[in-house]
Amino acid sequence: MLERFSIKELEFTAEHLARWAKSDFGSYVLATERDLIAEKYSALPGYRFMHLGLATDTQSANEFSQIHRFNFQTHTPDRSTDVSAVVDLNELPLPSDVVDVVLLQHMLEFSASPQSVLAEVCRVIAPGGHLVVCALDPFGPMGLAKRPMQLLSKSPQYRFHSLRMGRLIDWLTLLNFEVDSTHHGAHQWPFGYRADPSVIVGSDENFKLGRRWDLGCKKVGLPLGNFYMIHAVKRVSRVISNSSRSWKAAARERLTASASQSVGSKKVIDKGSAEH
C-alpha cells in the first residue's frame, strides 16, 4: 500500500514520464512554460546553456539565446539525437562554475532526492549565472489531484514531491542564489484536457472557456497554477582576506615616519633657540 505513495529514482520512471510530457496535458504545461520563458528569459546573458527536463523539448531550449546548448537526460530516449548525454543527476559530468544558464524542468519533484539534485545543479552554475526552475505546484490542480490519483493509478506522474515555492526558495538561498522573479501558469484541470478540441464532440466551447480562464488567471496573477517558475541568480561573495599584517606594517611605517618628522622638527626648534 505504501508503495503507491513512494517516489522511485528517475532511472526507473524517466521513460514513462517522458511519454507523459508528450501527452495533451503534459504538452499544454510545457507549452505554457515555453511562452513564459520566451516572454521573460529569452535574453539572459551567457555562452553555455544546459537543459534538464523530463523530455528533450528543443523548443524550450531554442527560446534561449546562448550559442552552446546541451541537454542531459536520465534515460536513453528512443530515436532522439538531441540528447548530449545520459547522466546521474546527483553527479553531473561537469566541473564547477562553468554553465551560464540552466533550465531545470520538473526534475526536482520527480527525483528521489530533490535537495541533492538542486545542490549538484547549482554547483555547475557560474557566479552570476542564471537558474530557471519549473516545478509542479502542490496547491494547483495537478497537486490537489495527486493523492487521490495515487490510490487509483500506478502512473508515476502522480508520484512527485510536494515542493512548495517558499521551501524551494529557502533551499536556493542556502545555496547562495538570489531569487529574481516567480511566476505561475497552466491553470486548467488535468482531467479531460485535449490539445485538439475537435476529437471530442461539443468540446469546442469548453476549450475556449479554458483558454479564457488561463488568460484571466495570468492577468490577475492567480498563484494556483499547475506549475510555478523561479528565476534565480548565483551570488558568490568575495573572500575577505586576512590583511592584519599589511595594515600593521603600514601603521608602523607611518608611526616611524611621524616620529622622525617630530625629532627633526624638535632639532630645528632647538637649533633656532640656541642661535637666539
Protein backbone atom coordinates (compact mmCIF):
# COMPACT_ATOMS: atom_id res chain seq x y z
CA MET A 1 0.00 0.00 0.00
CA LEU A 2 2.81 2.39 0.92
CA GLU A 3 4.46 1.75 -2.46
CA ARG A 4 1.67 3.71 -4.11
CA PHE A 5 2.97 6.85 -2.36
CA SER A 6 6.70 6.20 -2.80
CA ILE A 7 8.83 8.11 -5.29
CA LYS A 8 11.28 5.99 -7.26
CA GLU A 9 14.55 7.04 -8.83
CA LEU A 10 14.25 8.70 -12.23
CA GLU A 11 16.17 5.90 -13.89
CA PHE A 12 13.09 3.72 -13.36
CA THR A 13 10.38 6.30 -14.17
CA ALA A 14 12.01 8.69 -16.66
CA GLU A 15 10.86 6.84 -19.78
CA HIS A 16 7.20 6.84 -18.67
CA LEU A 17 7.42 10.48 -17.56
CA ALA A 18 8.87 11.44 -20.96
CA ARG A 19 5.81 9.91 -22.64
CA TRP A 20 3.52 11.76 -20.22
CA ALA A 21 5.32 15.02 -21.06
CA LYS A 22 4.29 14.48 -24.69
CA SER A 23 0.63 13.83 -23.81
CA ASP A 24 -2.01 16.51 -24.35
CA PHE A 25 -1.86 17.79 -20.78
CA GLY A 26 1.93 17.47 -20.50
CA SER A 27 2.37 19.33 -23.78
CA TYR A 28 -0.02 22.02 -22.55
CA VAL A 29 2.08 22.57 -19.39
CA LEU A 30 5.36 22.67 -21.33
CA ALA A 31 3.90 24.99 -23.97
CA THR A 32 2.73 27.41 -21.26
CA GLU A 33 6.20 27.34 -19.71
CA ARG A 34 7.75 27.89 -23.13
CA ASP A 35 5.63 31.01 -23.72
CA LEU A 36 6.62 32.37 -20.31
CA ILE A 37 10.31 31.70 -20.99
CA ALA A 38 10.10 33.44 -24.38
CA GLU A 39 8.44 36.44 -22.74
CA LYS A 40 10.67 36.78 -19.68
CA TYR A 41 14.01 34.99 -20.06
CA SER A 42 14.96 34.66 -23.72
CA ALA A 43 17.59 37.40 -23.40
CA LEU A 44 19.52 36.06 -20.40
CA PRO A 45 23.26 36.64 -20.94
CA GLY A 46 25.90 33.95 -21.23
CA TYR A 47 27.51 31.43 -23.56
CA ARG A 48 26.68 27.95 -22.16
CA PHE A 49 23.11 26.69 -21.67
CA MET A 50 22.13 23.41 -20.01
CA HIS A 51 18.66 21.85 -20.11
CA LEU A 52 17.49 19.18 -17.68
CA GLY A 53 13.90 18.07 -18.25
CA LEU A 54 11.53 15.12 -18.49
CA ALA A 55 11.67 15.45 -22.28
CA THR A 56 14.30 16.91 -24.59
CA ASP A 57 11.91 19.78 -25.55
CA THR A 58 14.19 21.54 -28.01
CA GLN A 59 11.57 24.25 -28.47
CA SER A 60 12.05 25.47 -24.89
CA ALA A 61 15.84 25.37 -25.31
CA ASN A 62 15.58 27.36 -28.54
CA GLU A 63 13.91 30.21 -26.66
CA PHE A 64 17.26 30.98 -25.03
CA SER A 65 19.98 32.94 -26.84
CA GLN A 66 23.08 31.00 -25.72
CA ILE A 67 25.24 29.63 -28.54
CA HIS A 68 26.46 26.47 -26.79
CA ARG A 69 23.46 24.39 -25.68
CA PHE A 70 23.28 20.85 -24.41
CA ASN A 71 20.64 18.55 -22.93
CA PHE A 72 21.12 15.88 -20.27
CA GLN A 73 18.66 13.03 -19.71
CA THR A 74 18.39 10.28 -17.10
CA HIS A 75 17.41 7.67 -19.70
CA THR A 76 18.09 6.89 -23.36
CA PRO A 77 15.25 8.35 -25.45
CA ASP A 78 14.06 6.45 -28.50
CA ARG A 79 15.09 7.96 -31.83
CA SER A 80 16.36 11.23 -30.36
CA THR A 81 19.55 12.98 -31.45
CA ASP A 82 19.06 15.98 -29.16
CA VAL A 83 20.44 14.33 -26.01
CA SER A 84 24.05 15.21 -25.21
CA ALA A 85 24.49 12.55 -22.50
CA VAL A 86 22.63 10.22 -20.16
CA VAL A 87 23.63 11.21 -16.63
CA ASP A 88 23.04 10.70 -12.95
CA LEU A 89 21.58 13.99 -11.69
CA ASN A 90 23.44 13.59 -8.40
CA GLU A 91 26.79 13.54 -10.24
CA LEU A 92 26.78 15.74 -13.32
CA PRO A 93 29.84 15.20 -15.58
CA LEU A 94 30.83 18.86 -15.44
CA PRO A 95 33.34 20.93 -13.44
CA SER A 96 32.08 23.57 -11.04
CA ASP A 97 31.13 27.11 -12.08
CA VAL A 98 31.01 26.62 -15.87
CA VAL A 99 27.37 26.94 -17.04
CA ASP A 100 25.79 30.36 -17.57
CA VAL A 101 22.10 29.43 -17.81
CA VAL A 102 20.29 26.29 -16.63
CA LEU A 103 16.67 25.31 -17.33
CA LEU A 104 15.56 22.73 -14.75
CA GLN A 105 12.12 21.45 -15.81
CA HIS A 106 10.26 19.14 -13.42
CA MET A 107 13.32 17.13 -12.45
CA LEU A 108 13.30 18.12 -8.78
CA GLU A 109 9.82 16.98 -7.78
CA PHE A 110 10.18 13.63 -9.60
CA SER A 111 13.65 12.91 -8.14
CA ALA A 112 14.01 10.69 -5.10
CA SER A 113 16.33 13.28 -3.53
CA PRO A 114 15.45 16.78 -4.79
CA GLN A 115 17.85 18.55 -2.43
CA SER A 116 20.83 16.60 -3.77
CA VAL A 117 19.83 17.27 -7.37
CA LEU A 118 19.39 21.00 -6.73
CA ALA A 119 22.76 21.25 -4.97
CA GLU A 120 24.50 19.47 -7.85
CA VAL A 121 22.85 21.68 -10.47
CA CYS A 122 23.77 24.81 -8.51
CA ARG A 123 27.36 23.60 -8.27
CA VAL A 124 27.93 23.75 -12.03
CA ILE A 125 26.41 27.24 -12.47
CA ALA A 126 28.96 30.02 -12.81
CA PRO A 127 28.95 33.00 -10.42
CA GLY A 128 26.41 35.45 -11.77
CA GLY A 129 24.78 32.62 -13.74
CA HIS A 130 21.04 32.08 -14.04
CA LEU A 131 18.80 29.21 -12.98
CA VAL A 132 15.21 28.82 -14.21
CA VAL A 133 13.29 26.16 -12.28
CA CYS A 134 9.88 24.77 -13.28
CA ALA A 135 8.05 22.57 -10.76
CA LEU A 136 4.53 21.28 -10.25
CA ASP A 137 2.64 23.39 -7.73
CA PRO A 138 1.32 21.26 -4.82
CA PHE A 139 -1.58 23.71 -4.44
CA GLY A 140 -2.53 23.70 -8.13
CA PRO A 141 -4.96 21.33 -9.92
CA MET A 142 -2.30 18.66 -10.53
CA GLY A 143 -1.04 18.91 -6.97
CA LEU A 144 -4.53 18.58 -5.49
CA ALA A 145 -5.26 15.54 -7.65
CA LYS A 146 -2.03 13.80 -6.62
CA ARG A 147 -3.23 11.93 -3.51
CA PRO A 148 -6.50 10.56 -4.94
CA MET A 149 -4.78 9.51 -8.17
CA GLN A 150 -2.02 7.71 -6.26
CA LEU A 151 -4.74 5.42 -4.89
CA LEU A 152 -6.47 4.98 -8.23
CA SER A 153 -3.48 4.79 -10.58
CA LYS A 154 0.07 3.43 -10.69
CA SER A 155 1.25 6.08 -13.16
CA PRO A 156 4.46 7.81 -11.96
CA GLN A 157 3.30 11.30 -13.00
CA TYR A 158 1.17 11.32 -9.83
CA ARG A 159 4.14 10.44 -7.62
CA PHE A 160 6.15 13.57 -7.00
CA HIS A 161 7.37 15.63 -4.07
CA SER A 162 5.03 18.43 -2.99
CA LEU A 163 7.66 21.16 -3.15
CA ARG A 164 6.23 24.45 -2.01
CA MET A 165 7.65 27.52 -3.72
CA GLY A 166 8.71 29.00 -0.37
CA ARG A 167 10.57 25.84 0.52
CA LEU A 168 12.45 25.82 -2.78
CA ILE A 169 13.33 29.50 -2.37
CA ASP A 170 14.79 28.70 1.07
CA TRP A 171 16.96 25.96 -0.47
CA LEU A 172 18.19 28.34 -3.16
CA THR A 173 19.04 30.98 -0.57
CA LEU A 174 21.17 28.48 1.33
CA LEU A 175 22.98 27.69 -1.94
CA ASN A 176 23.88 31.38 -2.44
CA PHE A 177 21.19 32.11 -5.02
CA GLU A 178 19.13 35.29 -5.10
CA VAL A 179 15.57 34.84 -6.38
CA ASP A 180 14.83 37.45 -9.03
CA SER A 181 11.23 36.60 -10.02
CA THR A 182 8.47 33.98 -9.75
CA HIS A 183 5.52 33.06 -11.95
CA HIS A 184 2.57 30.65 -12.07
CA GLY A 185 0.85 29.15 -15.09
CA ALA A 186 -1.33 26.46 -16.71
CA HIS A 187 -4.42 26.77 -14.50
CA GLN A 188 -6.65 24.21 -16.25
CA TRP A 189 -7.76 20.93 -14.68
CA PRO A 190 -5.64 17.96 -15.86
CA PHE A 191 -8.52 15.54 -16.45
CA GLY A 192 -10.21 15.62 -19.83
CA TYR A 193 -7.83 18.18 -21.28
CA ARG A 194 -7.33 17.84 -25.04
CA ALA A 195 -4.94 19.86 -27.16
CA ASP A 196 -7.27 19.44 -30.14
CA PRO A 197 -10.91 20.08 -29.16
CA SER A 198 -12.18 18.51 -32.39
CA VAL A 199 -11.51 15.00 -31.06
CA ILE A 200 -14.41 15.33 -28.61
CA VAL A 201 -17.87 16.29 -29.78
CA GLY A 202 -19.14 19.51 -28.26
CA SER A 203 -15.85 20.37 -26.53
CA ASP A 204 -15.06 23.48 -28.58
CA GLU A 205 -16.80 25.79 -26.12
CA ASN A 206 -15.04 24.15 -23.18
CA PHE A 207 -11.73 24.62 -24.94
CA LYS A 208 -12.40 28.33 -25.49
CA LEU A 209 -13.53 28.67 -21.89
CA GLY A 210 -10.30 27.06 -20.73
CA ARG A 211 -8.24 29.49 -22.79
CA ARG A 212 -10.14 32.45 -21.37
CA TRP A 213 -9.65 31.03 -17.87
CA ASP A 214 -5.88 30.82 -18.41
CA LEU A 215 -5.71 34.37 -19.74
CA GLY A 216 -7.80 35.69 -16.86
CA CYS A 217 -5.66 33.91 -14.23
CA LYS A 218 -2.49 35.24 -15.85
CA LYS A 219 -3.87 38.77 -15.92
CA VAL A 220 -4.75 38.82 -12.21
CA GLY A 221 -1.66 36.79 -11.23
CA LEU A 222 -3.52 33.89 -9.61
CA PRO A 223 -0.86 31.83 -7.73
CA LEU A 224 -2.57 28.44 -8.12
CA GLY A 225 -1.43 27.08 -11.47
CA ASN A 226 -0.27 23.59 -12.34
CA PHE A 227 3.33 24.82 -12.21
CA TYR A 228 5.41 27.63 -10.80
CA MET A 229 8.59 29.08 -12.25
CA ILE A 230 11.51 30.57 -10.32
CA HIS A 231 14.33 32.63 -11.78
CA ALA A 232 17.39 32.88 -9.51
CA VAL A 233 20.90 34.28 -9.89
CA LYS A 234 24.02 32.81 -8.27
CA ARG A 235 25.68 35.31 -5.95
CA VAL A 236 29.15 34.45 -4.65
CA SER A 237 30.61 36.76 -2.02
CA ARG A 238 34.21 37.84 -2.43
CA VAL A 239 36.57 36.29 0.09
CA ILE A 240 37.77 38.76 2.73
CA SER A 241 41.48 38.07 3.17
CA ASN A 242 43.31 38.38 6.48
CA SER A 243 45.35 41.51 5.86
CA SER A 244 46.28 42.22 9.51
CA ARG A 245 49.99 42.18 8.68
CA SER A 246 49.51 44.69 5.91
CA TRP A 247 47.79 47.34 7.94
CA LYS A 248 50.06 46.76 10.95
CA ALA A 249 53.15 47.21 8.81
CA ALA A 250 51.67 50.33 7.26
CA ALA A 251 50.84 51.65 10.70
CA ARG A 252 54.41 51.07 11.92
CA GLU A 253 55.82 52.84 8.85
CA ARG A 254 53.56 55.82 9.44
CA LEU A 255 54.43 55.95 13.13
CA THR A 256 58.15 55.74 12.31
CA ALA A 257 57.85 58.46 9.71
CA SER A 258 55.85 60.61 12.11
CA ALA A 259 58.39 60.12 14.90
CA SER A 260 61.24 61.04 12.53
CA GLN A 261 59.44 64.20 11.49
CA SER A 262 58.84 65.09 15.14
CA VAL A 263 62.52 64.58 16.03
CA GLY A 264 63.61 66.63 13.03
CA SER A 265 61.24 69.43 13.91
CA LYS A 266 62.46 69.44 17.52
CA LYS A 267 66.12 69.70 16.37
CA VAL A 268 65.24 72.66 14.16
CA ILE A 269 63.46 74.38 17.01
CA ASP A 270 66.31 73.70 19.47
CA LYS A 271 68.86 74.99 16.96
CA GLY A 272 66.84 78.12 16.39
CA SER A 273 66.55 78.75 20.15
CA ALA A 274 70.32 78.30 20.61
CA GLU A 275 71.14 80.85 17.89
CA HIS A 276 68.90 83.40 19.55
